[in-house]
Each structure stands twice: as C-alpha cells, then as structure tokens.
C-alpha atoms as a PDB file:
ATOM      1  CA  MET A   1      15.735 -17.993   6.768  1.00  0.00           C
ATOM      2  CA  GLN A   2      13.621 -14.936   7.498  1.00  0.00           C
ATOM      3  CA  LYS A   3      13.418 -13.399  10.927  1.00  0.00           C
ATOM      4  CA  ALA A   4      10.272 -11.583  11.984  1.00  0.00           C
ATOM      5  CA  SER A   5       9.556  -9.464  15.025  1.00  0.00           C
ATOM      6  CA  PRO A   6       6.233  -7.629  14.908  1.00  0.00           C
ATOM      7  CA  ARG A   7       7.216  -5.450  17.876  1.00  0.00           C
ATOM      8  CA  PHE A   8       9.775  -2.688  18.281  1.00  0.00           C
ATOM      9  CA  ASP A   9      11.945  -1.953  21.305  1.00  0.00           C
ATOM     10  CA  ASP A  10      14.073   0.972  22.449  1.00  0.00           C
ATOM     11  CA  GLY A  11      17.105  -0.432  20.662  1.00  0.00           C
ATOM     12  CA  ASP A  12      15.411   0.218  17.335  1.00  0.00           C
ATOM     13  CA  LEU A  13      14.970   3.942  17.909  1.00  0.00           C
ATOM     14  CA  GLU A  14      17.266   6.779  16.931  1.00  0.00           C
ATOM     15  CA  PRO A  15      17.810   9.439  19.611  1.00  0.00           C
ATOM     16  CA  ASN A  16      16.505  12.276  17.430  1.00  0.00           C
ATOM     17  CA  HIS A  17      13.378  14.373  17.410  1.00  0.00           C
ATOM     18  CA  LYS A  18      10.239  13.425  15.554  1.00  0.00           C
ATOM     19  CA  HIS A  19      10.374  14.293  11.869  1.00  0.00           C
ATOM     20  CA  HIS A  20       6.817  15.491  11.186  1.00  0.00           C
ATOM     21  CA  VAL A  21       6.405  16.751   7.608  1.00  0.00           C
ATOM     22  CA  ALA A  22       4.248  19.597   6.329  1.00  0.00           C
ATOM     23  CA  THR A  23       3.400  18.579   2.774  1.00  0.00           C
ATOM     24  CA  THR A  24       0.545  18.103   0.318  1.00  0.00           C
ATOM     25  CA  LEU A  25      -1.422  14.979  -0.501  1.00  0.00           C
ATOM     26  CA  ASN A  26      -3.299  14.497  -3.767  1.00  0.00           C
ATOM     27  CA  TYR A  27      -7.026  13.746  -3.530  1.00  0.00           C
ATOM     28  CA  TRP A  28      -9.499  12.889  -6.253  1.00  0.00           C
ATOM     29  CA  ASP A  29     -10.967  16.013  -7.826  1.00  0.00           C
ATOM     30  CA  ASP A  30     -14.657  15.155  -7.498  1.00  0.00           C
ATOM     31  CA  PRO A  31     -16.570  17.002 -10.254  1.00  0.00           C
ATOM     32  CA  GLY A  32     -19.654  16.965  -8.039  1.00  0.00           C
ATOM     33  CA  ASP A  33     -21.991  15.730 -10.761  1.00  0.00           C
ATOM     34  CA  GLY A  34     -22.175  12.097  -9.623  1.00  0.00           C
ATOM     35  CA  SER A  35     -19.992  10.843 -12.481  1.00  0.00           C
ATOM     36  CA  ARG A  36     -17.672   7.910 -11.905  1.00  0.00           C
ATOM     37  CA  PRO A  37     -13.905   8.463 -11.596  1.00  0.00           C
ATOM     38  CA  THR A  38     -11.943   8.034 -14.830  1.00  0.00           C
ATOM     39  CA  PRO A  39     -10.756   4.400 -15.161  1.00  0.00           C
ATOM     40  CA  ILE A  40      -7.066   3.489 -14.933  1.00  0.00           C
ATOM     41  CA  PHE A  41      -5.582   1.036 -17.436  1.00  0.00           C
ATOM     42  CA  ILE A  42      -2.456  -1.023 -16.715  1.00  0.00           C
ATOM     43  CA  GLY A  43      -1.105  -3.351 -19.372  1.00  0.00           C
ATOM     44  CA  ARG A  44       1.236  -3.858 -22.315  1.00  0.00           C
ATOM     45  CA  GLY A  45       4.000  -2.220 -20.315  1.00  0.00           C
ATOM     46  CA  ARG A  46       2.071   1.016 -19.747  1.00  0.00           C
ATOM     47  CA  VAL A  47      -0.079   2.812 -17.216  1.00  0.00           C
ATOM     48  CA  THR A  48      -2.765   5.202 -18.458  1.00  0.00           C
ATOM     49  CA  ASN A  49      -4.009   7.367 -15.608  1.00  0.00           C
ATOM     50  CA  LYS A  50      -5.890  10.556 -16.518  1.00  0.00           C
ATOM     51  CA  ARG A  51      -7.857  10.763 -13.284  1.00  0.00           C
ATOM     52  CA  PRO A  52      -7.866  14.403 -11.997  1.00  0.00           C
ATOM     53  CA  HIS A  53      -6.507  15.115  -8.521  1.00  0.00           C
ATOM     54  CA  LEU A  54      -5.974  18.214  -6.366  1.00  0.00           C
ATOM     55  CA  ALA A  55      -3.267  18.812  -3.745  1.00  0.00           C
ATOM     56  CA  HIS A  56      -4.300  19.575  -0.153  1.00  0.00           C
ATOM     57  CA  GLY A  57      -2.070  20.524   2.755  1.00  0.00           C
ATOM     58  CA  PHE A  58      -1.484  18.123   5.669  1.00  0.00           C
ATOM     59  CA  VAL A  59       1.078  17.438   8.351  1.00  0.00           C
ATOM     60  CA  VAL A  60       2.189  13.798   8.203  1.00  0.00           C
ATOM     61  CA  THR A  61       3.058  12.613  11.719  1.00  0.00           C
ATOM     62  CA  ASP A  62       6.234  10.635  12.351  1.00  0.00           C
ATOM     63  CA  ILE A  63       5.315   7.652  14.542  1.00  0.00           C
ATOM     64  CA  THR A  64       8.914   6.551  15.214  1.00  0.00           C
ATOM     65  CA  GLY A  65       9.074   5.295  18.810  1.00  0.00           C
ATOM     66  CA  ASP A  66       5.318   4.719  18.897  1.00  0.00           C
ATOM     67  CA  GLU A  67       5.071   1.923  16.337  1.00  0.00           C
ATOM     68  CA  ASP A  68       3.431  -0.459  18.802  1.00  0.00           C
ATOM     69  CA  LYS A  69       0.467   1.897  19.224  1.00  0.00           C
ATOM     70  CA  TYR A  70      -0.729   1.091  15.683  1.00  0.00           C
ATOM     71  CA  SER A  71      -2.018  -2.248  14.456  1.00  0.00           C
ATOM     72  CA  LEU A  72      -3.876  -3.745  11.516  1.00  0.00           C
ATOM     73  CA  ASP A  73      -7.015  -4.337  13.573  1.00  0.00           C
ATOM     74  CA  THR A  74      -7.152  -0.928  15.285  1.00  0.00           C
ATOM     75  CA  HIS A  75      -5.769   1.468  12.647  1.00  0.00           C
ATOM     76  CA  GLY A  76      -5.521  -0.513   9.392  1.00  0.00           C
ATOM     77  CA  PHE A  77      -1.728  -0.557   9.257  1.00  0.00           C
ATOM     78  CA  GLN A  78       1.162  -1.965  11.243  1.00  0.00           C
ATOM     79  CA  TYR A  79       4.937  -1.568  11.280  1.00  0.00           C
ATOM     80  CA  CYS A  80       7.187  -4.490  12.070  1.00  0.00           C
ATOM     81  CA  ARG A  81      10.805  -5.553  11.839  1.00  0.00           C
ATOM     82  CA  HIS A  82      11.661  -8.258   9.340  1.00  0.00           C
ATOM     83  CA  GLU A  83      15.017  -9.333   7.964  1.00  0.00           C
ATOM     84  CA  SER A  84      14.874 -10.795   4.456  1.00  0.00           C
ATOM     85  CA  SER A  85      17.428 -12.966   2.723  1.00  0.00           C
ATOM     86  CA  GLU A  86      16.654 -10.995  -0.451  1.00  0.00           C
ATOM     87  CA  THR A  87      18.472  -7.676  -0.769  1.00  0.00           C
ATOM     88  CA  GLU A  88      18.590  -6.624  -4.424  1.00  0.00           C
ATOM     89  CA  PHE A  89      15.063  -7.462  -5.639  1.00  0.00           C
ATOM     90  CA  THR A  90      16.221  -7.576  -9.244  1.00  0.00           C
ATOM     91  CA  ASP A  91      15.606 -11.298  -9.924  1.00  0.00           C
ATOM     92  CA  GLU A  92      11.886 -11.914 -10.564  1.00  0.00           C
ATOM     93  CA  GLN A  93      12.190 -15.642  -9.952  1.00  0.00           C
ATOM     94  CA  ALA A  94      13.944 -15.104  -6.625  1.00  0.00           C
ATOM     95  CA  ILE A  95      11.212 -12.680  -5.566  1.00  0.00           C
ATOM     96  CA  ARG A  96       8.432 -15.092  -6.517  1.00  0.00           C
ATOM     97  CA  SER A  97      10.010 -18.041  -4.782  1.00  0.00           C
ATOM     98  CA  GLY A  98      12.124 -17.067  -1.783  1.00  0.00           C
ATOM     99  CA  TYR A  99      10.693 -13.651  -0.954  1.00  0.00           C
ATOM    100  CA  TYR A 100       7.079 -14.728  -1.438  1.00  0.00           C
ATOM    101  CA  GLU A 101       7.663 -17.547   1.038  1.00  0.00           C
ATOM    102  CA  GLU A 102       9.080 -15.096   3.572  1.00  0.00           C
ATOM    103  CA  CYS A 103       6.084 -12.804   3.147  1.00  0.00           C
ATOM    104  CA  GLN A 104       3.633 -15.638   3.615  1.00  0.00           C
ATOM    105  CA  GLN A 105       5.286 -16.674   6.875  1.00  0.00           C
ATOM    106  CA  LEU A 106       5.462 -13.078   8.108  1.00  0.00           C
ATOM    107  CA  LEU A 107       1.719 -12.557   7.613  1.00  0.00           C
ATOM    108  CA  LYS A 108       0.898 -15.875   9.246  1.00  0.00           C
ATOM    109  CA  ASP A 109       3.002 -14.865  12.262  1.00  0.00           C
ATOM    110  CA  VAL A 110       1.417 -11.419  12.544  1.00  0.00           C
ATOM    111  CA  THR A 111      -2.224 -12.270  11.791  1.00  0.00           C
ATOM    112  CA  GLY A 112      -2.614 -15.931  12.734  1.00  0.00           C
ATOM    113  CA  ALA A 113      -4.127 -16.640   9.309  1.00  0.00           C
ATOM    114  CA  THR A 114      -3.965 -20.193   7.995  1.00  0.00           C
ATOM    115  CA  ARG A 115      -3.370 -19.430   4.323  1.00  0.00           C
ATOM    116  CA  ILE A 116      -1.698 -16.584   2.419  1.00  0.00           C
ATOM    117  CA  HIS A 117      -2.233 -16.277  -1.329  1.00  0.00           C
ATOM    118  CA  ILE A 118       0.069 -13.739  -3.020  1.00  0.00           C
ATOM    119  CA  PHE A 119      -1.375 -12.412  -6.257  1.00  0.00           C
ATOM    120  CA  ASN A 120       1.270  -9.928  -7.419  1.00  0.00           C
ATOM    121  CA  HIS A 121       4.065  -7.569  -6.465  1.00  0.00           C
ATOM    122  CA  LYS A 122       5.449  -4.225  -7.635  1.00  0.00           C
ATOM    123  CA  VAL A 123       9.056  -3.031  -7.486  1.00  0.00           C
ATOM    124  CA  ARG A 124       9.416   0.757  -7.662  1.00  0.00           C
ATOM    125  CA  ARG A 125      12.677   2.436  -8.626  1.00  0.00           C
ATOM    126  CA  GLY A 126      11.482   5.208 -10.926  1.00  0.00           C
ATOM    127  CA  PRO A 127      11.125   8.984 -10.562  1.00  0.00           C
ATOM    128  CA  THR A 128       8.237  10.707  -8.833  1.00  0.00           C
ATOM    129  CA  GLN A 129       6.416  11.780 -12.006  1.00  0.00           C
ATOM    130  CA  TRP A 130       6.725   8.378 -13.665  1.00  0.00           C
ATOM    131  CA  HIS A 131       3.095   8.354 -14.869  1.00  0.00           C
ATOM    132  CA  HIS A 132       4.016  11.121 -17.294  1.00  0.00           C
ATOM    133  CA  LEU A 133       7.118   9.429 -18.706  1.00  0.00           C
ATOM    134  CA  GLY A 134       7.483   7.192 -21.720  1.00  0.00           C
ATOM    135  CA  LEU A 135       4.434   8.466 -23.540  1.00  0.00           C
ATOM    136  CA  HIS A 136       5.643   6.618 -26.609  1.00  0.00           C
ATOM    137  CA  GLY A 137       7.116   3.619 -24.812  1.00  0.00           C
ATOM    138  CA  ASN A 138       6.918   1.402 -21.758  1.00  0.00           C
ATOM    139  CA  ASN A 139       6.414   3.591 -18.718  1.00  0.00           C
ATOM    140  CA  LEU A 140       6.123   0.594 -16.352  1.00  0.00           C
ATOM    141  CA  ALA A 141       9.873   0.199 -16.788  1.00  0.00           C
ATOM    142  CA  ASN A 142      10.113   3.536 -14.930  1.00  0.00           C
ATOM    143  CA  ARG A 143       7.571   2.633 -12.218  1.00  0.00           C
ATOM    144  CA  GLY A 144       7.931   4.988  -9.281  1.00  0.00           C
ATOM    145  CA  PRO A 145       5.914   6.019  -6.231  1.00  0.00           C
ATOM    146  CA  VAL A 146       2.147   6.571  -6.403  1.00  0.00           C
ATOM    147  CA  THR A 147       1.527  10.119  -5.167  1.00  0.00           C
ATOM    148  CA  ARG A 148      -2.275   9.873  -5.040  1.00  0.00           C
ATOM    149  CA  THR A 149      -4.388   8.930  -2.044  1.00  0.00           C
ATOM    150  CA  HIS A 150      -6.067   5.580  -2.621  1.00  0.00           C
ATOM    151  CA  VAL A 151      -6.887   2.091  -1.410  1.00  0.00           C
ATOM    152  CA  ASP A 152      -6.031  -0.725  -3.803  1.00  0.00           C
ATOM    153  CA  GLN A 153      -9.397  -2.497  -3.475  1.00  0.00           C
ATOM    154  CA  SER A 154     -12.882  -1.223  -2.678  1.00  0.00           C
ATOM    155  CA  TYR A 155     -15.163  -3.531  -0.705  1.00  0.00           C
ATOM    156  CA  ALA A 156     -16.657  -4.793  -3.981  1.00  0.00           C
ATOM    157  CA  GLY A 157     -13.200  -4.875  -5.542  1.00  0.00           C
ATOM    158  CA  ALA A 158     -11.919  -7.218  -2.833  1.00  0.00           C
ATOM    159  CA  GLU A 159     -14.483  -9.841  -3.800  1.00  0.00           C
ATOM    160  CA  LEU A 160     -13.662  -9.321  -7.470  1.00  0.00           C
ATOM    161  CA  ARG A 161      -9.991 -10.013  -6.715  1.00  0.00           C
ATOM    162  CA  LEU A 162     -10.751 -13.099  -4.630  1.00  0.00           C
ATOM    163  CA  ARG A 163     -12.979 -14.567  -7.333  1.00  0.00           C
ATOM    164  CA  TRP A 164     -10.334 -13.810  -9.972  1.00  0.00           C
ATOM    165  CA  GLU A 165      -7.643 -15.584  -7.954  1.00  0.00           C
ATOM    166  CA  PHE A 166      -9.920 -18.539  -7.132  1.00  0.00           C
ATOM    167  CA  PRO A 167     -11.917 -19.061 -10.341  1.00  0.00           C
ATOM    168  CA  ASP A 168     -13.733 -22.183  -9.105  1.00  0.00           C
ATOM    169  CA  PRO A 169     -17.076 -20.678  -7.985  1.00  0.00           C
ATOM    170  CA  LYS A 170     -17.582 -23.282  -5.257  1.00  0.00           C
ATOM    171  CA  GLU A 171     -14.147 -22.633  -3.737  1.00  0.00           C
ATOM    172  CA  ALA A 172     -14.631 -18.870  -3.933  1.00  0.00           C
ATOM    173  CA  ASP A 173     -18.083 -19.098  -2.343  1.00  0.00           C
ATOM    174  CA  GLU A 174     -16.641 -21.101   0.551  1.00  0.00           C
ATOM    175  CA  LEU A 175     -13.788 -18.627   1.078  1.00  0.00           C
ATOM    176  CA  LEU A 176     -16.233 -15.725   1.098  1.00  0.00           C
ATOM    177  CA  LYS A 177     -18.156 -17.326   3.965  1.00  0.00           C
ATOM    178  CA  ARG A 178     -15.118 -16.903   6.223  1.00  0.00           C
ATOM    179  CA  ARG A 179     -13.052 -13.891   7.194  1.00  0.00           C
ATOM    180  CA  TYR A 180     -10.556 -12.730   4.606  1.00  0.00           C
ATOM    181  CA  GLN A 181      -8.323  -9.714   4.147  1.00  0.00           C
ATOM    182  CA  ILE A 182      -6.125  -8.103   1.507  1.00  0.00           C
ATOM    183  CA  ILE A 183      -2.856  -6.840   2.962  1.00  0.00           C
ATOM    184  CA  ASN A 184       0.096  -5.231   1.178  1.00  0.00           C
ATOM    185  CA  ILE A 185       3.602  -5.857   2.518  1.00  0.00           C
ATOM    186  CA  TRP A 186       5.607  -2.698   1.771  1.00  0.00           C
ATOM    187  CA  ARG A 187       9.389  -2.707   2.206  1.00  0.00           C
ATOM    188  CA  PRO A 188      12.192  -0.266   1.356  1.00  0.00           C
ATOM    189  CA  ILE A 189      14.983  -1.703  -0.765  1.00  0.00           C
ATOM    190  CA  GLU A 190      17.237   1.146   0.369  1.00  0.00           C
ATOM    191  CA  THR A 191      16.668   3.528   3.289  1.00  0.00           C
ATOM    192  CA  ILE A 192      13.777   5.861   2.403  1.00  0.00           C
ATOM    193  CA  LEU A 193      14.421   9.594   2.299  1.00  0.00           C
ATOM    194  CA  LYS A 194      12.720  10.806  -0.884  1.00  0.00           C
ATOM    195  CA  ASP A 195       8.975  10.181  -1.393  1.00  0.00           C
ATOM    196  CA  PRO A 196       8.188   8.194   1.789  1.00  0.00           C
ATOM    197  CA  ILE A 197       4.844   6.446   2.156  1.00  0.00           C
ATOM    198  CA  ALA A 198       2.053   7.762   4.378  1.00  0.00           C
ATOM    199  CA  VAL A 199      -0.895   5.815   5.781  1.00  0.00           C
ATOM    200  CA  ALA A 200      -4.114   7.237   7.220  1.00  0.00           C
ATOM    201  CA  ASP A 201      -5.668   6.078  10.472  1.00  0.00           C
ATOM    202  CA  ALA A 202      -8.745   4.123   9.362  1.00  0.00           C
ATOM    203  CA  ASN A 203     -10.738   5.655  12.239  1.00  0.00           C
ATOM    204  CA  SER A 204     -10.354   9.123  10.710  1.00  0.00           C
ATOM    205  CA  VAL A 205     -11.742   8.109   7.300  1.00  0.00           C
ATOM    206  CA  PRO A 206     -15.495   7.501   6.992  1.00  0.00           C
ATOM    207  CA  ASP A 207     -16.780   5.348   4.146  1.00  0.00           C
ATOM    208  CA  SER A 208     -18.503   8.424   2.735  1.00  0.00           C
ATOM    209  CA  ASP A 209     -15.076   9.795   1.740  1.00  0.00           C
ATOM    210  CA  LEU A 210     -14.413   6.769  -0.493  1.00  0.00           C
ATOM    211  CA  VAL A 211     -15.554   6.381  -4.098  1.00  0.00           C
ATOM    212  CA  GLY A 212     -15.294   3.167  -6.130  1.00  0.00           C
ATOM    213  CA  ALA A 213     -13.100   3.563  -9.211  1.00  0.00           C
ATOM    214  CA  GLU A 214     -12.495   1.085 -12.022  1.00  0.00           C
ATOM    215  CA  MET A 215      -8.955  -0.168 -12.573  1.00  0.00           C
ATOM    216  CA  VAL A 216      -8.166  -2.560 -15.412  1.00  0.00           C
ATOM    217  CA  GLU A 217      -4.891  -4.495 -15.124  1.00  0.00           C
ATOM    218  CA  GLU A 218      -4.157  -6.720 -18.100  1.00  0.00           C
ATOM    219  CA  GLU A 219      -7.368  -8.829 -18.257  1.00  0.00           C
ATOM    220  CA  PHE A 220      -8.483  -8.244 -14.671  1.00  0.00           C
ATOM    221  CA  ARG A 221     -11.194  -5.623 -14.209  1.00  0.00           C
ATOM    222  CA  GLY A 222     -11.170  -4.533 -10.586  1.00  0.00           C
ATOM    223  CA  GLU A 223     -12.256  -1.643  -8.407  1.00  0.00           C
ATOM    224  CA  SER A 224     -10.235   0.502  -6.032  1.00  0.00           C
ATOM    225  CA  TRP A 225     -11.122   3.437  -3.779  1.00  0.00           C
ATOM    226  CA  VAL A 226     -10.346   7.038  -4.672  1.00  0.00           C
ATOM    227  CA  VAL A 227     -10.723   9.583  -1.916  1.00  0.00           C
ATOM    228  CA  ARG A 228     -12.611  12.816  -1.371  1.00  0.00           C
ATOM    229  CA  HIS A 229     -10.624  15.394   0.572  1.00  0.00           C
ATOM    230  CA  ASN A 230     -11.378  15.631   4.265  1.00  0.00           C
ATOM    231  CA  PRO A 231      -9.157  17.756   6.542  1.00  0.00           C
ATOM    232  CA  ASN A 232      -9.894  15.375   9.435  1.00  0.00           C
ATOM    233  CA  HIS A 233      -7.890  12.534   7.891  1.00  0.00           C
ATOM    234  CA  ARG A 234      -4.933  11.691  10.145  1.00  0.00           C
ATOM    235  CA  TRP A 235      -1.785  10.768   8.207  1.00  0.00           C
ATOM    236  CA  HIS A 236       1.271   8.961   9.609  1.00  0.00           C
ATOM    237  CA  PHE A 237       4.644   7.646   8.483  1.00  0.00           C
ATOM    238  CA  LYS A 238       7.878   6.240   9.881  1.00  0.00           C
ATOM    239  CA  TYR A 239      10.907   8.408   9.174  1.00  0.00           C
ATOM    240  CA  ARG A 240      13.947   6.820   7.519  1.00  0.00           C
ATOM    241  CA  MET A 241      12.488   3.359   7.012  1.00  0.00           C
ATOM    242  CA  THR A 242      15.266   0.861   6.291  1.00  0.00           C
ATOM    243  CA  SER A 243      15.244  -2.430   4.421  1.00  0.00           C
ATOM    244  CA  GLN A 244      14.469  -4.168   7.728  1.00  0.00           C
ATOM    245  CA  ASP A 245      11.371  -2.035   8.333  1.00  0.00           C
ATOM    246  CA  VAL A 246       8.156  -3.425   6.893  1.00  0.00           C
ATOM    247  CA  LEU A 247       4.804  -1.664   6.673  1.00  0.00           C
ATOM    248  CA  LEU A 248       1.676  -3.809   6.504  1.00  0.00           C
ATOM    249  CA  ILE A 249      -1.181  -1.932   4.816  1.00  0.00           C
ATOM    250  CA  LYS A 250      -4.686  -3.342   5.096  1.00  0.00           C
ATOM    251  CA  CYS A 251      -6.652  -2.791   1.898  1.00  0.00           C
ATOM    252  CA  PHE A 252      -9.680  -4.834   2.937  1.00  0.00           C
ATOM    253  CA  ASP A 253     -11.098  -6.797   5.848  1.00  0.00           C
ATOM    254  CA  SER A 254     -14.411  -8.647   5.743  1.00  0.00           C
ATOM    255  CA  ASP A 255     -14.699  -8.250   9.539  1.00  0.00           C
ATOM    256  CA  THR A 256     -16.761  -5.083   9.867  1.00  0.00           C
ATOM    257  CA  SER A 257     -16.017  -4.677  13.594  1.00  0.00           C
ATOM    258  CA  LEU A 258     -12.345  -3.802  12.951  1.00  0.00           C
ATOM    259  CA  ALA A 259     -10.409  -1.254  10.899  1.00  0.00           C
ATOM    260  CA  ARG A 260     -11.228  -2.304   7.347  1.00  0.00           C
ATOM    261  CA  ARG A 261      -8.845  -0.293   5.144  1.00  0.00           C
ATOM    262  CA  ALA A 262      -6.035   2.254   5.245  1.00  0.00           C
ATOM    263  CA  LEU A 263      -5.596   5.039   2.719  1.00  0.00           C
ATOM    264  CA  HIS A 264      -2.019   5.366   1.564  1.00  0.00           C
ATOM    265  CA  SER A 265       0.082   7.541  -0.687  1.00  0.00           C
ATOM    266  CA  ALA A 266       3.655   8.539  -1.327  1.00  0.00           C
ATOM    267  CA  PHE A 267       4.328  12.171  -0.430  1.00  0.00           C
ATOM    268  CA  GLU A 268       7.072  14.724  -0.858  1.00  0.00           C
ATOM    269  CA  ASP A 269       9.329  15.526   2.088  1.00  0.00           C
ATOM    270  CA  PRO A 270      10.741  18.937   1.078  1.00  0.00           C
ATOM    271  CA  ALA A 271      13.957  18.207   3.020  1.00  0.00           C
ATOM    272  CA  TYR A 272      14.781  15.387   0.587  1.00  0.00           C
ATOM    273  CA  ARG A 273      13.292  16.649  -2.679  1.00  0.00           C
ATOM    274  CA  ASP A 274      16.624  16.330  -4.504  1.00  0.00           C
ATOM    275  CA  GLU A 275      17.585  12.857  -3.282  1.00  0.00           C
ATOM    276  CA  VAL A 276      17.810   9.868  -5.629  1.00  0.00           C
ATOM    277  CA  SER A 277      14.579   8.075  -6.520  1.00  0.00           C
ATOM    278  CA  ARG A 278      13.018   5.865  -3.895  1.00  0.00           C
ATOM    279  CA  GLN A 279      13.416   2.085  -4.114  1.00  0.00           C
ATOM    280  CA  SER A 280      10.731  -0.156  -2.625  1.00  0.00           C
ATOM    281  CA  ILE A 281       8.765  -3.348  -3.152  1.00  0.00           C
ATOM    282  CA  GLU A 282       5.168  -4.140  -2.247  1.00  0.00           C
ATOM    283  CA  VAL A 283       3.643  -7.618  -2.222  1.00  0.00           C
ATOM    284  CA  ARG A 284      -0.149  -7.964  -2.426  1.00  0.00           C
ATOM    285  CA  CYS A 285      -1.684 -10.780  -0.422  1.00  0.00           C
ATOM    286  CA  LEU A 286      -5.054 -12.406   0.149  1.00  0.00           C
ATOM    287  CA  VAL A 287      -5.137 -13.443   3.803  1.00  0.00           C
ATOM    288  CA  LEU A 288      -7.479 -16.360   4.457  1.00  0.00           C
ATOM    289  CA  TYR A 289      -8.808 -17.705   7.750  1.00  0.00           C
END
C-alpha cells in the first residue's frame, strides 16, 4: 500500500548547507533562419537525436528545506514524499500494474483530479552520453539521463497525445472541453548524486523562448518544446533525492491562468562527476478533471 505526503516537515531535512551547483545546461542551438528543429526518432530499440545544442552557464538552486514554496499550479513542479512498494523497477509487469496504480492514486491525492491515464514510463540506468552509444545496436538498452533542456509536450503536442490515447473522436472532444494536464512523476531508484534533474520556474520562462519540435516515437508523431537560451531562466533542484522523494513535473496544463509547463533537464554536478550512473524512473500521465 503506497503512502503519500505532499508536504515536507523539518524531520525530512538534513542539517547541512544548501548545495547550489554552478554548471551548464544545454539549450537548442537556434540557427536563426526560422527553420524547424531537427526531428527526434525513437523506435526499434534506438533513439536518433541529431538536434544541435549549446551549453550555457547557470547556477542551479538547491530548494531543500523550501519544498513547500513550490507547487504545480504556481511554478509548474512540486516535490512530495511517497513510499512505494516497488523498489527494484526491473519487472515491467510489476511497474505497469502495482506502480502505475500507486502513481494514479498519488496524482489524485495531490491534484484532486478524477481520472489519471498513464501512457508510458521510462527507466534510466545508463551513462550520461547514452545518445551516442550503440550506434550499431540498441541504444535504448543504455537509456540514461536527458541532458538537454526541454518540455515533453508543446501545447499542440498535448492535444496530439490526448487524441492518440483516446482515439474515439467524440470522447477526445469531450475531454478537451474540460481541464486536463500532462504530469510526469519522476523518482530516484537509488539516491541521486550524479546527473540530478533540474526544473525551471515556469514564471521565468516566457512562451517566446519555446519552439515546437517534432518527436516521433514508434508510430506516434508528437511535438515537444525545445528551448532558446535565456539567462533569466531560474533553475532549481533538490539535493540528494532518495527513492522516497518524488518530483512532479508539469508538461502541460489547459488552464491558462496557472503555471502551464516546466522546463527540465539532467545536469552535471562537478562534485559527483565520477559517481556511478544515475538510476531513475519517470511515469507520464494524462490528468483529467
């Protein structure tokens, strides 16, 4: 039985100083000629990603002790405590049955939504530069962190995903009349030291910094956001996330009065460059009201 507590208290905090990290984040290298970003292709056990990016310096702020100041509605992301009965995340069937059920209940508890539809998940245990591995084989077997700033769905891409998941046009049309969101549930499998995940305050990212980019996964043709560099983006993370720390990342919200999306990216913490590869799982969810 899962246990969820969206809030943190003083007992959760370590008595150490904040661990802010000076690092680089990779942004789309906009050629400036109005051309569309290079598509990404995922399928047949491989990822093909030749989209050019450039590294830009940022300080990623450690929010440990201030988790309750950030929420899905105000900033586009939220940290919460959640104990799962799943610990290894090696059995696909166990993930799709037991863990999916836990995730659905967690999002209902946090958001008040009436229905959660999970459309896929990704387990990451591979090295940082996994995109460049297995050029003659299956590089998805080495899936590691994504070290490029992005949002999984653009505003148009969110509707594409909903219509793909609910292929009956009448049902999809009805769902689109009500509020819906896409939220990723991101969890460490082991305590995170190498390649932690950063999220950007939605209020620091104007829509003009976002560019729709085609992403083809198996037979689904969707659209994500790539990001133009802006030094005003405010990046945050929680230091030493454990398997009981969960990060909720909003990729889309049809309610335009609230934070609608949060950029995210793995990044290098130079203090832990030589640690073993990160292990994490993310579950992608349509949240329906």
